[in-house]
Amino acid sequence: MNWLRKLYDWVLTWAETRYAVPALFLLAFSESSFFPIPPDVLLIALAISIPSRAFHYALICAIGSVLGGMLGYLIGYQFMEAVGNKIVQFYGFDAQWAYVGELYNEYAAWAVGIAGFTPIPYKVFTIAGGAFKIDFPVFVLVSALSRTARFFLVGGLIYFFGPSIRSFIDKYFNILAIMFVILLIGGFVLIKYVIQ
């Protein structure tokens, strides 16, 4: 995994260049369909350097990620044999591919939303969205909501709490993401029962 650490460090070096913002967009775009390093790494570095622009960086990240998710969808929809299967195998999800299909068949938009917000590899679900042909407008809408929520959570924490929150985010991001999903699902369940 030494190559992964080197890749991680390489991503961080972009924060210190004048190309940091385009690099953030391209990182968010590519991570949604094939790249292994999540854009949160660069988002956190940039937001900490200028906390007043944290939401601006989060928005760039969200836009890049949703557009990249559309590329992932296209890969699954049109190029599964040529490209998609190789990406799925690279991330070790070939054994779980049938299960991902079941999640899509049963939950569709929920599967995209949870993958878009949590540390689950979003790229696998964008490719699966195309491969299992879920409704494209629903896919885009749920991707936009979940990815924006994820990156704005990170940006918001840095905006309101400053650089001191970085170690907290690094240490507890997975737990924060899971808690948010539980609260989100709980809110929808509550709404469902209140409406009935």
N, C-alpha and C. Protein backbone atom coordinates (compact mmCIF):
# COMPACT_ATOMS: atom_id res chain seq x y z
N MET A 1 0.82 -1.22 0.00
CA MET A 1 0.00 0.00 0.00
C MET A 1 0.86 1.27 0.00
N ASN A 2 2.18 1.09 -0.15
CA ASN A 2 3.07 2.24 -0.18
C ASN A 2 2.74 3.19 -1.33
N TRP A 3 2.33 2.62 -2.48
CA TRP A 3 1.98 3.44 -3.64
C TRP A 3 0.77 4.33 -3.34
N LEU A 4 -0.15 3.82 -2.50
CA LEU A 4 -1.35 4.59 -2.15
C LEU A 4 -0.97 5.79 -1.29
N ARG A 5 -0.04 5.59 -0.36
CA ARG A 5 0.43 6.68 0.49
C ARG A 5 1.14 7.74 -0.36
N LYS A 6 1.94 7.30 -1.32
CA LYS A 6 2.62 8.25 -2.21
C LYS A 6 1.62 9.05 -3.04
N LEU A 7 0.57 8.37 -3.48
CA LEU A 7 -0.49 9.04 -4.25
C LEU A 7 -1.20 10.07 -3.37
N TYR A 8 -1.48 9.70 -2.14
CA TYR A 8 -2.12 10.59 -1.15
C TYR A 8 -1.25 11.84 -0.95
N ASP A 9 0.05 11.64 -0.73
CA ASP A 9 0.96 12.77 -0.53
C ASP A 9 1.04 13.65 -1.78
N TRP A 10 1.03 13.02 -2.95
CA TRP A 10 1.05 13.77 -4.20
C TRP A 10 -0.18 14.67 -4.34
N VAL A 11 -1.34 14.13 -3.97
CA VAL A 11 -2.58 14.92 -4.01
C VAL A 11 -2.46 16.14 -3.11
N LEU A 12 -1.90 15.94 -1.91
CA LEU A 12 -1.76 17.06 -0.97
C LEU A 12 -0.82 18.15 -1.48
N THR A 13 0.17 17.79 -2.30
CA THR A 13 1.10 18.81 -2.80
C THR A 13 0.39 19.85 -3.67
N TRP A 14 -0.74 19.49 -4.25
CA TRP A 14 -1.48 20.43 -5.10
C TRP A 14 -2.05 21.60 -4.29
N ALA A 15 -2.24 21.41 -2.99
CA ALA A 15 -2.79 22.48 -2.15
C ALA A 15 -1.87 23.68 -2.10
N GLU A 16 -0.59 23.48 -2.37
CA GLU A 16 0.39 24.55 -2.27
C GLU A 16 0.74 25.17 -3.62
N THR A 17 -0.07 24.87 -4.64
CA THR A 17 0.20 25.44 -5.97
C THR A 17 -0.94 26.37 -6.38
N ARG A 18 -0.69 27.12 -7.44
CA ARG A 18 -1.74 28.02 -7.95
C ARG A 18 -2.81 27.24 -8.71
N TYR A 19 -2.58 25.95 -8.92
CA TYR A 19 -3.56 25.10 -9.60
C TYR A 19 -4.41 24.30 -8.62
N ALA A 20 -4.41 24.72 -7.38
CA ALA A 20 -5.11 23.96 -6.33
C ALA A 20 -6.60 23.79 -6.62
N VAL A 21 -7.27 24.85 -7.05
CA VAL A 21 -8.72 24.77 -7.28
C VAL A 21 -9.05 23.89 -8.49
N PRO A 22 -8.38 24.06 -9.65
CA PRO A 22 -8.63 23.11 -10.74
C PRO A 22 -8.28 21.67 -10.35
N ALA A 23 -7.22 21.50 -9.55
CA ALA A 23 -6.85 20.16 -9.10
C ALA A 23 -7.94 19.56 -8.23
N LEU A 24 -8.56 20.39 -7.38
CA LEU A 24 -9.66 19.92 -6.53
C LEU A 24 -10.83 19.44 -7.39
N PHE A 25 -11.18 20.23 -8.40
CA PHE A 25 -12.27 19.85 -9.31
C PHE A 25 -11.95 18.53 -10.01
N LEU A 26 -10.74 18.42 -10.56
CA LEU A 26 -10.35 17.22 -11.30
C LEU A 26 -10.25 16.00 -10.38
N LEU A 27 -9.79 16.21 -9.16
CA LEU A 27 -9.72 15.10 -8.20
C LEU A 27 -11.12 14.61 -7.86
N ALA A 28 -12.05 15.54 -7.59
CA ALA A 28 -13.43 15.16 -7.27
C ALA A 28 -14.07 14.46 -8.46
N PHE A 29 -13.80 14.95 -9.66
CA PHE A 29 -14.35 14.37 -10.87
C PHE A 29 -13.84 12.94 -11.07
N SER A 30 -12.53 12.76 -11.00
CA SER A 30 -11.94 11.45 -11.28
C SER A 30 -12.22 10.43 -10.17
N GLU A 31 -12.31 10.89 -8.92
CA GLU A 31 -12.57 9.96 -7.81
C GLU A 31 -13.95 9.32 -7.92
N SER A 32 -14.87 10.01 -8.56
CA SER A 32 -16.24 9.49 -8.68
C SER A 32 -16.37 8.36 -9.69
N SER A 33 -15.32 8.13 -10.48
CA SER A 33 -15.42 7.06 -11.46
C SER A 33 -14.24 6.10 -11.48
N PHE A 34 -13.04 6.54 -11.03
CA PHE A 34 -11.92 5.59 -11.08
C PHE A 34 -10.79 5.86 -10.10
N PHE A 35 -10.54 7.10 -9.68
CA PHE A 35 -9.35 7.45 -8.90
C PHE A 35 -9.50 7.04 -7.43
N PRO A 36 -8.44 6.50 -6.79
CA PRO A 36 -8.60 5.95 -5.43
C PRO A 36 -8.61 6.95 -4.28
N ILE A 37 -8.04 8.15 -4.44
CA ILE A 37 -7.93 9.09 -3.32
C ILE A 37 -9.16 10.00 -3.28
N PRO A 38 -9.87 10.05 -2.14
CA PRO A 38 -11.06 10.91 -2.06
C PRO A 38 -10.69 12.39 -2.07
N PRO A 39 -11.55 13.24 -2.62
CA PRO A 39 -11.23 14.66 -2.71
C PRO A 39 -11.23 15.38 -1.37
N ASP A 40 -11.76 14.73 -0.34
CA ASP A 40 -11.79 15.33 1.00
C ASP A 40 -10.39 15.75 1.45
N VAL A 41 -9.38 14.99 1.04
CA VAL A 41 -7.99 15.25 1.42
C VAL A 41 -7.58 16.66 0.99
N LEU A 42 -7.80 16.97 -0.28
CA LEU A 42 -7.43 18.28 -0.80
C LEU A 42 -8.42 19.35 -0.34
N LEU A 43 -9.69 19.00 -0.24
CA LEU A 43 -10.71 19.95 0.26
C LEU A 43 -10.34 20.43 1.66
N ILE A 44 -9.97 19.53 2.54
CA ILE A 44 -9.61 19.89 3.91
C ILE A 44 -8.38 20.80 3.90
N ALA A 45 -7.37 20.43 3.12
CA ALA A 45 -6.14 21.24 3.07
C ALA A 45 -6.44 22.66 2.59
N LEU A 46 -7.25 22.80 1.54
CA LEU A 46 -7.57 24.13 1.01
C LEU A 46 -8.45 24.93 1.97
N ALA A 47 -9.45 24.27 2.54
CA ALA A 47 -10.36 24.96 3.46
C ALA A 47 -9.62 25.44 4.70
N ILE A 48 -8.67 24.66 5.18
CA ILE A 48 -7.90 25.06 6.35
C ILE A 48 -6.99 26.24 6.01
N SER A 49 -6.48 26.28 4.78
CA SER A 49 -5.61 27.39 4.39
C SER A 49 -6.37 28.71 4.31
N ILE A 50 -7.65 28.65 3.87
CA ILE A 50 -8.50 29.86 3.81
C ILE A 50 -9.91 29.45 4.28
N PRO A 51 -10.16 29.40 5.60
CA PRO A 51 -11.46 28.94 6.11
C PRO A 51 -12.66 29.73 5.57
N SER A 52 -12.47 31.01 5.24
CA SER A 52 -13.59 31.81 4.73
C SER A 52 -14.07 31.32 3.37
N ARG A 53 -13.25 30.52 2.67
CA ARG A 53 -13.63 30.00 1.35
C ARG A 53 -13.97 28.51 1.40
N ALA A 54 -14.19 28.00 2.59
CA ALA A 54 -14.45 26.57 2.77
C ALA A 54 -15.67 26.11 1.97
N PHE A 55 -16.76 26.90 1.99
CA PHE A 55 -17.97 26.51 1.26
C PHE A 55 -17.76 26.60 -0.25
N HIS A 56 -16.95 27.56 -0.67
CA HIS A 56 -16.61 27.69 -2.10
C HIS A 56 -15.89 26.42 -2.58
N TYR A 57 -14.91 25.98 -1.80
CA TYR A 57 -14.18 24.76 -2.14
C TYR A 57 -15.09 23.53 -2.10
N ALA A 58 -16.00 23.51 -1.12
CA ALA A 58 -16.94 22.38 -1.01
C ALA A 58 -17.85 22.32 -2.24
N LEU A 59 -18.28 23.48 -2.74
CA LEU A 59 -19.14 23.53 -3.93
C LEU A 59 -18.38 23.03 -5.16
N ILE A 60 -17.15 23.46 -5.33
CA ILE A 60 -16.33 22.99 -6.45
C ILE A 60 -16.19 21.47 -6.39
N CYS A 61 -15.95 20.97 -5.20
CA CYS A 61 -15.81 19.54 -4.98
C CYS A 61 -17.11 18.80 -5.35
N ALA A 62 -18.24 19.34 -4.92
CA ALA A 62 -19.53 18.71 -5.19
C ALA A 62 -19.83 18.68 -6.69
N ILE A 63 -19.60 19.79 -7.37
CA ILE A 63 -19.86 19.86 -8.82
C ILE A 63 -18.97 18.86 -9.56
N GLY A 64 -17.68 18.87 -9.25
CA GLY A 64 -16.76 17.92 -9.89
C GLY A 64 -17.16 16.48 -9.63
N SER A 65 -17.57 16.20 -8.41
CA SER A 65 -17.93 14.84 -8.04
C SER A 65 -19.19 14.36 -8.76
N VAL A 66 -20.20 15.21 -8.86
CA VAL A 66 -21.44 14.82 -9.53
C VAL A 66 -21.18 14.61 -11.03
N LEU A 67 -20.41 15.50 -11.64
CA LEU A 67 -20.08 15.32 -13.06
C LEU A 67 -19.26 14.04 -13.27
N GLY A 68 -18.33 13.77 -12.35
CA GLY A 68 -17.56 12.54 -12.42
C GLY A 68 -18.43 11.31 -12.22
N GLY A 69 -19.44 11.45 -11.35
CA GLY A 69 -20.40 10.36 -11.16
C GLY A 69 -21.16 10.04 -12.44
N MET A 70 -21.45 11.08 -13.23
CA MET A 70 -22.11 10.86 -14.52
C MET A 70 -21.20 10.07 -15.47
N LEU A 71 -19.88 10.36 -15.40
CA LEU A 71 -18.94 9.57 -16.20
C LEU A 71 -18.94 8.12 -15.72
N GLY A 72 -18.97 7.91 -14.40
CA GLY A 72 -19.04 6.56 -13.86
C GLY A 72 -20.29 5.84 -14.34
N TYR A 73 -21.41 6.54 -14.35
CA TYR A 73 -22.67 5.98 -14.84
C TYR A 73 -22.52 5.56 -16.31
N LEU A 74 -21.91 6.44 -17.12
CA LEU A 74 -21.69 6.15 -18.54
C LEU A 74 -20.80 4.92 -18.72
N ILE A 75 -19.75 4.82 -17.90
CA ILE A 75 -18.87 3.65 -17.97
C ILE A 75 -19.67 2.37 -17.73
N GLY A 76 -20.51 2.39 -16.69
CA GLY A 76 -21.33 1.21 -16.38
C GLY A 76 -22.38 0.93 -17.44
N TYR A 77 -22.93 1.98 -18.02
CA TYR A 77 -24.02 1.84 -18.99
C TYR A 77 -23.52 1.37 -20.36
N GLN A 78 -22.38 1.92 -20.80
CA GLN A 78 -21.91 1.65 -22.15
C GLN A 78 -20.61 0.85 -22.24
N PHE A 79 -19.77 0.93 -21.20
CA PHE A 79 -18.42 0.37 -21.31
C PHE A 79 -18.09 -0.59 -20.16
N MET A 80 -19.08 -1.32 -19.70
CA MET A 80 -18.86 -2.22 -18.57
C MET A 80 -17.83 -3.29 -18.90
N GLU A 81 -17.96 -3.90 -20.06
CA GLU A 81 -17.03 -4.97 -20.43
C GLU A 81 -15.61 -4.43 -20.64
N ALA A 82 -15.49 -3.30 -21.31
CA ALA A 82 -14.17 -2.77 -21.67
C ALA A 82 -13.46 -2.11 -20.49
N VAL A 83 -14.20 -1.37 -19.65
CA VAL A 83 -13.58 -0.57 -18.60
C VAL A 83 -14.14 -0.86 -17.21
N GLY A 84 -15.46 -0.89 -17.10
CA GLY A 84 -16.13 -1.00 -15.80
C GLY A 84 -15.70 -2.19 -14.98
N ASN A 85 -15.63 -3.36 -15.59
CA ASN A 85 -15.24 -4.57 -14.85
C ASN A 85 -13.83 -4.46 -14.29
N LYS A 86 -12.93 -3.82 -15.03
CA LYS A 86 -11.55 -3.65 -14.55
C LYS A 86 -11.50 -2.74 -13.32
N ILE A 87 -12.31 -1.67 -13.32
CA ILE A 87 -12.35 -0.76 -12.17
C ILE A 87 -12.92 -1.49 -10.95
N VAL A 88 -14.01 -2.22 -11.16
CA VAL A 88 -14.64 -2.97 -10.06
C VAL A 88 -13.66 -3.99 -9.49
N GLN A 89 -12.93 -4.69 -10.35
CA GLN A 89 -11.94 -5.68 -9.89
C GLN A 89 -10.78 -5.01 -9.16
N PHE A 90 -10.35 -3.86 -9.66
CA PHE A 90 -9.23 -3.14 -9.03
C PHE A 90 -9.55 -2.81 -7.57
N TYR A 91 -10.80 -2.43 -7.30
CA TYR A 91 -11.19 -2.07 -5.94
C TYR A 91 -11.69 -3.26 -5.13
N GLY A 92 -11.59 -4.46 -5.70
CA GLY A 92 -11.93 -5.66 -4.96
C GLY A 92 -13.41 -5.87 -4.73
N PHE A 93 -14.24 -5.30 -5.62
CA PHE A 93 -15.69 -5.42 -5.45
C PHE A 93 -16.31 -6.44 -6.40
N ASP A 94 -15.47 -7.18 -7.16
CA ASP A 94 -16.05 -8.13 -8.12
C ASP A 94 -16.84 -9.22 -7.41
N ALA A 95 -16.40 -9.63 -6.22
CA ALA A 95 -17.13 -10.67 -5.47
C ALA A 95 -18.46 -10.15 -4.94
N GLN A 96 -18.53 -8.84 -4.66
CA GLN A 96 -19.76 -8.24 -4.12
C GLN A 96 -20.64 -7.62 -5.20
N TRP A 97 -20.26 -7.76 -6.47
CA TRP A 97 -20.97 -7.08 -7.55
C TRP A 97 -22.45 -7.48 -7.60
N ALA A 98 -22.72 -8.75 -7.41
CA ALA A 98 -24.12 -9.21 -7.43
C ALA A 98 -24.90 -8.57 -6.28
N TYR A 99 -24.24 -8.42 -5.13
CA TYR A 99 -24.90 -7.80 -3.98
C TYR A 99 -25.19 -6.32 -4.24
N VAL A 100 -24.23 -5.64 -4.89
CA VAL A 100 -24.46 -4.23 -5.27
C VAL A 100 -25.69 -4.14 -6.18
N GLY A 101 -25.80 -5.10 -7.11
CA GLY A 101 -26.97 -5.15 -7.99
C GLY A 101 -28.26 -5.33 -7.22
N GLU A 102 -28.23 -6.18 -6.20
CA GLU A 102 -29.42 -6.37 -5.36
C GLU A 102 -29.79 -5.09 -4.62
N LEU A 103 -28.76 -4.38 -4.13
CA LEU A 103 -29.03 -3.10 -3.45
C LEU A 103 -29.72 -2.13 -4.40
N TYR A 104 -29.24 -2.08 -5.64
CA TYR A 104 -29.87 -1.19 -6.62
C TYR A 104 -31.29 -1.62 -6.94
N ASN A 105 -31.50 -2.91 -7.11
CA ASN A 105 -32.84 -3.38 -7.43
C ASN A 105 -33.82 -3.10 -6.31
N GLU A 106 -33.33 -3.17 -5.06
CA GLU A 106 -34.24 -2.98 -3.93
C GLU A 106 -34.35 -1.52 -3.50
N TYR A 107 -33.21 -0.80 -3.50
CA TYR A 107 -33.20 0.54 -2.92
C TYR A 107 -32.92 1.67 -3.90
N ALA A 108 -32.41 1.37 -5.08
CA ALA A 108 -32.10 2.34 -6.14
C ALA A 108 -31.46 3.63 -5.60
N ALA A 109 -32.26 4.67 -5.45
CA ALA A 109 -31.74 5.98 -5.06
C ALA A 109 -31.07 5.96 -3.69
N TRP A 110 -31.58 5.16 -2.76
CA TRP A 110 -30.97 5.08 -1.43
C TRP A 110 -29.54 4.56 -1.52
N ALA A 111 -29.32 3.57 -2.37
CA ALA A 111 -27.98 3.00 -2.53
C ALA A 111 -27.01 4.08 -3.01
N VAL A 112 -27.44 4.89 -3.97
CA VAL A 112 -26.59 5.98 -4.48
C VAL A 112 -26.34 7.01 -3.39
N GLY A 113 -27.40 7.39 -2.68
CA GLY A 113 -27.30 8.42 -1.64
C GLY A 113 -26.36 8.02 -0.51
N ILE A 114 -26.49 6.79 -0.06
CA ILE A 114 -25.63 6.33 1.03
C ILE A 114 -24.18 6.24 0.56
N ALA A 115 -23.95 5.72 -0.63
CA ALA A 115 -22.58 5.64 -1.16
C ALA A 115 -22.01 7.03 -1.41
N GLY A 116 -22.87 7.97 -1.82
CA GLY A 116 -22.42 9.33 -2.10
C GLY A 116 -21.99 10.09 -0.87
N PHE A 117 -22.54 9.74 0.28
CA PHE A 117 -22.23 10.49 1.49
C PHE A 117 -21.20 9.79 2.37
N THR A 118 -21.24 8.49 2.41
CA THR A 118 -20.39 7.73 3.34
C THR A 118 -19.05 7.36 2.70
N PRO A 119 -18.17 6.72 3.47
CA PRO A 119 -16.87 6.30 2.92
C PRO A 119 -16.93 5.10 1.97
N ILE A 120 -18.12 4.55 1.71
CA ILE A 120 -18.26 3.47 0.73
C ILE A 120 -17.74 4.00 -0.61
N PRO A 121 -16.96 3.21 -1.35
CA PRO A 121 -16.41 3.72 -2.63
C PRO A 121 -17.51 4.13 -3.61
N TYR A 122 -17.69 5.42 -3.74
CA TYR A 122 -18.75 5.99 -4.57
C TYR A 122 -18.62 5.56 -6.02
N LYS A 123 -17.36 5.44 -6.50
CA LYS A 123 -17.12 5.08 -7.91
C LYS A 123 -17.76 3.75 -8.27
N VAL A 124 -17.74 2.79 -7.34
CA VAL A 124 -18.34 1.48 -7.61
C VAL A 124 -19.85 1.64 -7.82
N PHE A 125 -20.47 2.52 -7.04
CA PHE A 125 -21.91 2.71 -7.15
C PHE A 125 -22.29 3.56 -8.36
N THR A 126 -21.41 4.47 -8.80
CA THR A 126 -21.74 5.23 -10.01
C THR A 126 -21.69 4.30 -11.23
N ILE A 127 -20.68 3.44 -11.27
CA ILE A 127 -20.57 2.47 -12.36
C ILE A 127 -21.74 1.49 -12.31
N ALA A 128 -22.08 1.05 -11.10
CA ALA A 128 -23.22 0.13 -10.94
C ALA A 128 -24.53 0.79 -11.35
N GLY A 129 -24.65 2.11 -11.09
CA GLY A 129 -25.87 2.83 -11.49
C GLY A 129 -26.12 2.69 -12.98
N GLY A 130 -25.06 2.82 -13.77
CA GLY A 130 -25.19 2.66 -15.22
C GLY A 130 -25.37 1.21 -15.62
N ALA A 131 -24.59 0.32 -14.98
CA ALA A 131 -24.66 -1.10 -15.33
C ALA A 131 -26.03 -1.69 -15.05
N PHE A 132 -26.65 -1.27 -13.94
CA PHE A 132 -27.97 -1.79 -13.57
C PHE A 132 -29.10 -0.88 -14.03
N LYS A 133 -28.71 0.15 -14.81
CA LYS A 133 -29.65 1.03 -15.51
C LYS A 133 -30.73 1.64 -14.61
N ILE A 134 -30.28 2.24 -13.49
CA ILE A 134 -31.26 2.96 -12.69
C ILE A 134 -31.57 4.28 -13.39
N ASP A 135 -32.69 4.86 -13.06
CA ASP A 135 -33.17 6.08 -13.70
C ASP A 135 -32.11 7.18 -13.58
N PHE A 136 -31.64 7.70 -14.74
CA PHE A 136 -30.53 8.65 -14.74
C PHE A 136 -30.85 9.96 -14.01
N PRO A 137 -32.02 10.60 -14.24
CA PRO A 137 -32.30 11.83 -13.49
C PRO A 137 -32.32 11.61 -11.97
N VAL A 138 -32.86 10.46 -11.53
CA VAL A 138 -32.86 10.15 -10.10
C VAL A 138 -31.42 9.99 -9.60
N PHE A 139 -30.61 9.29 -10.39
CA PHE A 139 -29.21 9.09 -10.05
C PHE A 139 -28.51 10.44 -9.87
N VAL A 140 -28.70 11.36 -10.80
CA VAL A 140 -28.04 12.67 -10.74
C VAL A 140 -28.54 13.46 -9.53
N LEU A 141 -29.85 13.47 -9.30
CA LEU A 141 -30.42 14.23 -8.19
C LEU A 141 -29.88 13.72 -6.85
N VAL A 142 -29.93 12.41 -6.65
CA VAL A 142 -29.48 11.84 -5.38
C VAL A 142 -27.97 12.02 -5.22
N SER A 143 -27.22 11.88 -6.31
CA SER A 143 -25.78 12.13 -6.25
C SER A 143 -25.50 13.57 -5.83
N ALA A 144 -26.22 14.50 -6.44
CA ALA A 144 -26.03 15.92 -6.12
C ALA A 144 -26.32 16.20 -4.65
N LEU A 145 -27.42 15.64 -4.15
CA LEU A 145 -27.78 15.86 -2.74
C LEU A 145 -26.76 15.25 -1.79
N SER A 146 -26.39 14.00 -2.04
CA SER A 146 -25.49 13.31 -1.10
C SER A 146 -24.07 13.85 -1.16
N ARG A 147 -23.56 14.11 -2.36
CA ARG A 147 -22.19 14.61 -2.46
C ARG A 147 -22.08 16.04 -1.93
N THR A 148 -23.08 16.88 -2.22
CA THR A 148 -23.08 18.23 -1.69
C THR A 148 -23.13 18.20 -0.16
N ALA A 149 -24.00 17.35 0.40
CA ALA A 149 -24.09 17.24 1.86
C ALA A 149 -22.76 16.81 2.46
N ARG A 150 -22.12 15.84 1.84
CA ARG A 150 -20.83 15.34 2.35
C ARG A 150 -19.78 16.44 2.38
N PHE A 151 -19.59 17.12 1.24
CA PHE A 151 -18.52 18.11 1.16
C PHE A 151 -18.85 19.38 1.94
N PHE A 152 -20.12 19.73 2.03
CA PHE A 152 -20.49 20.90 2.82
C PHE A 152 -20.37 20.62 4.32
N LEU A 153 -20.53 19.37 4.72
CA LEU A 153 -20.30 19.01 6.12
C LEU A 153 -18.83 19.27 6.46
N VAL A 154 -17.93 18.80 5.62
CA VAL A 154 -16.49 19.00 5.84
C VAL A 154 -16.17 20.50 5.81
N GLY A 155 -16.64 21.19 4.77
CA GLY A 155 -16.38 22.63 4.65
C GLY A 155 -16.96 23.42 5.82
N GLY A 156 -18.17 23.04 6.22
CA GLY A 156 -18.84 23.73 7.33
C GLY A 156 -18.09 23.56 8.65
N LEU A 157 -17.62 22.37 8.92
CA LEU A 157 -16.87 22.13 10.15
C LEU A 157 -15.61 23.00 10.19
N ILE A 158 -14.93 23.10 9.06
CA ILE A 158 -13.71 23.93 9.02
C ILE A 158 -14.07 25.41 9.08
N TYR A 159 -15.13 25.82 8.40
CA TYR A 159 -15.55 27.22 8.40
C TYR A 159 -15.88 27.69 9.82
N PHE A 160 -16.62 26.86 10.56
CA PHE A 160 -17.07 27.27 11.89
C PHE A 160 -16.07 26.99 13.00
N PHE A 161 -15.23 25.96 12.83
CA PHE A 161 -14.32 25.60 13.92
C PHE A 161 -12.85 25.83 13.59
N GLY A 162 -12.53 26.16 12.34
CA GLY A 162 -11.16 26.47 11.97
C GLY A 162 -10.26 25.25 11.87
N PRO A 163 -8.96 25.49 11.70
CA PRO A 163 -7.99 24.41 11.49
C PRO A 163 -7.97 23.36 12.59
N SER A 164 -8.36 23.71 13.80
CA SER A 164 -8.30 22.76 14.92
C SER A 164 -9.22 21.56 14.71
N ILE A 165 -10.19 21.69 13.82
CA ILE A 165 -11.15 20.59 13.59
C ILE A 165 -10.56 19.52 12.67
N ARG A 166 -9.43 19.78 12.02
CA ARG A 166 -8.88 18.84 11.04
C ARG A 166 -8.64 17.45 11.63
N SER A 167 -8.00 17.38 12.78
CA SER A 167 -7.70 16.06 13.36
C SER A 167 -8.99 15.35 13.75
N PHE A 168 -9.99 16.11 14.18
CA PHE A 168 -11.29 15.53 14.52
C PHE A 168 -11.95 14.92 13.28
N ILE A 169 -11.92 15.65 12.16
CA ILE A 169 -12.50 15.15 10.91
C ILE A 169 -11.75 13.90 10.45
N ASP A 170 -10.42 13.97 10.46
CA ASP A 170 -9.61 12.82 10.03
C ASP A 170 -9.93 11.58 10.86
N LYS A 171 -10.08 11.78 12.16
CA LYS A 171 -10.27 10.65 13.07
C LYS A 171 -11.69 10.10 13.05
N TYR A 172 -12.69 10.99 12.94
CA TYR A 172 -14.08 10.56 13.13
C TYR A 172 -14.98 10.70 11.91
N PHE A 173 -14.40 10.95 10.72
CA PHE A 173 -15.26 11.19 9.55
C PHE A 173 -16.19 10.02 9.28
N ASN A 174 -15.69 8.80 9.34
CA ASN A 174 -16.54 7.63 9.05
C ASN A 174 -17.71 7.55 10.02
N ILE A 175 -17.45 7.80 11.30
CA ILE A 175 -18.53 7.75 12.30
C ILE A 175 -19.52 8.88 12.05
N LEU A 176 -19.02 10.09 11.74
CA LEU A 176 -19.91 11.22 11.45
C LEU A 176 -20.80 10.92 10.24
N ALA A 177 -20.21 10.33 9.20
CA ALA A 177 -20.97 10.00 7.99
C ALA A 177 -22.06 8.98 8.29
N ILE A 178 -21.71 7.94 9.05
CA ILE A 178 -22.70 6.91 9.39
C ILE A 178 -23.82 7.49 10.25
N MET A 179 -23.45 8.34 11.21
CA MET A 179 -24.49 8.98 12.05
C MET A 179 -25.43 9.83 11.21
N PHE A 180 -24.87 10.57 10.25
CA PHE A 180 -25.69 11.42 9.39
C PHE A 180 -26.68 10.57 8.59
N VAL A 181 -26.20 9.45 8.03
CA VAL A 181 -27.08 8.57 7.24
C VAL A 181 -28.19 8.00 8.12
N ILE A 182 -27.84 7.59 9.34
CA ILE A 182 -28.87 7.07 10.27
C ILE A 182 -29.91 8.14 10.55
N LEU A 183 -29.45 9.36 10.81
CA LEU A 183 -30.39 10.47 11.07
C LEU A 183 -31.24 10.77 9.84
N LEU A 184 -30.61 10.72 8.66
CA LEU A 184 -31.34 10.99 7.42
C LEU A 184 -32.43 9.96 7.18
N ILE A 185 -32.07 8.68 7.30
CA ILE A 185 -33.05 7.61 7.11
C ILE A 185 -34.14 7.69 8.18
N GLY A 186 -33.71 7.93 9.42
CA GLY A 186 -34.68 8.08 10.51
C GLY A 186 -35.66 9.21 10.24
N GLY A 187 -35.16 10.31 9.68
CA GLY A 187 -36.04 11.43 9.35
C GLY A 187 -37.06 11.06 8.30
N PHE A 188 -36.65 10.32 7.27
CA PHE A 188 -37.59 9.89 6.23
C PHE A 188 -38.63 8.91 6.78
N VAL A 189 -38.18 8.01 7.65
CA VAL A 189 -39.11 7.05 8.26
C VAL A 189 -40.13 7.81 9.12
N LEU A 190 -39.66 8.78 9.89
CA LEU A 190 -40.54 9.58 10.73
C LEU A 190 -41.57 10.33 9.87
N ILE A 191 -41.09 10.94 8.79
CA ILE A 191 -42.00 11.67 7.89
C ILE A 191 -43.05 10.72 7.32
N LYS A 192 -42.62 9.53 6.94
CA LYS A 192 -43.54 8.55 6.36
C LYS A 192 -44.67 8.22 7.35
N TYR A 193 -44.32 8.01 8.63
CA TYR A 193 -45.33 7.65 9.63
C TYR A 193 -46.18 8.85 10.04
N VAL A 194 -45.61 10.03 10.03
CA VAL A 194 -46.38 11.24 10.38
C VAL A 194 -47.40 11.53 9.28
N ILE A 195 -46.99 11.35 8.00
CA ILE A 195 -47.91 11.61 6.88
C ILE A 195 -49.06 10.61 6.89
N GLN A 196 -48.75 9.35 7.23
CA GLN A 196 -49.82 8.35 7.28
C GLN A 196 -50.66 8.60 8.50
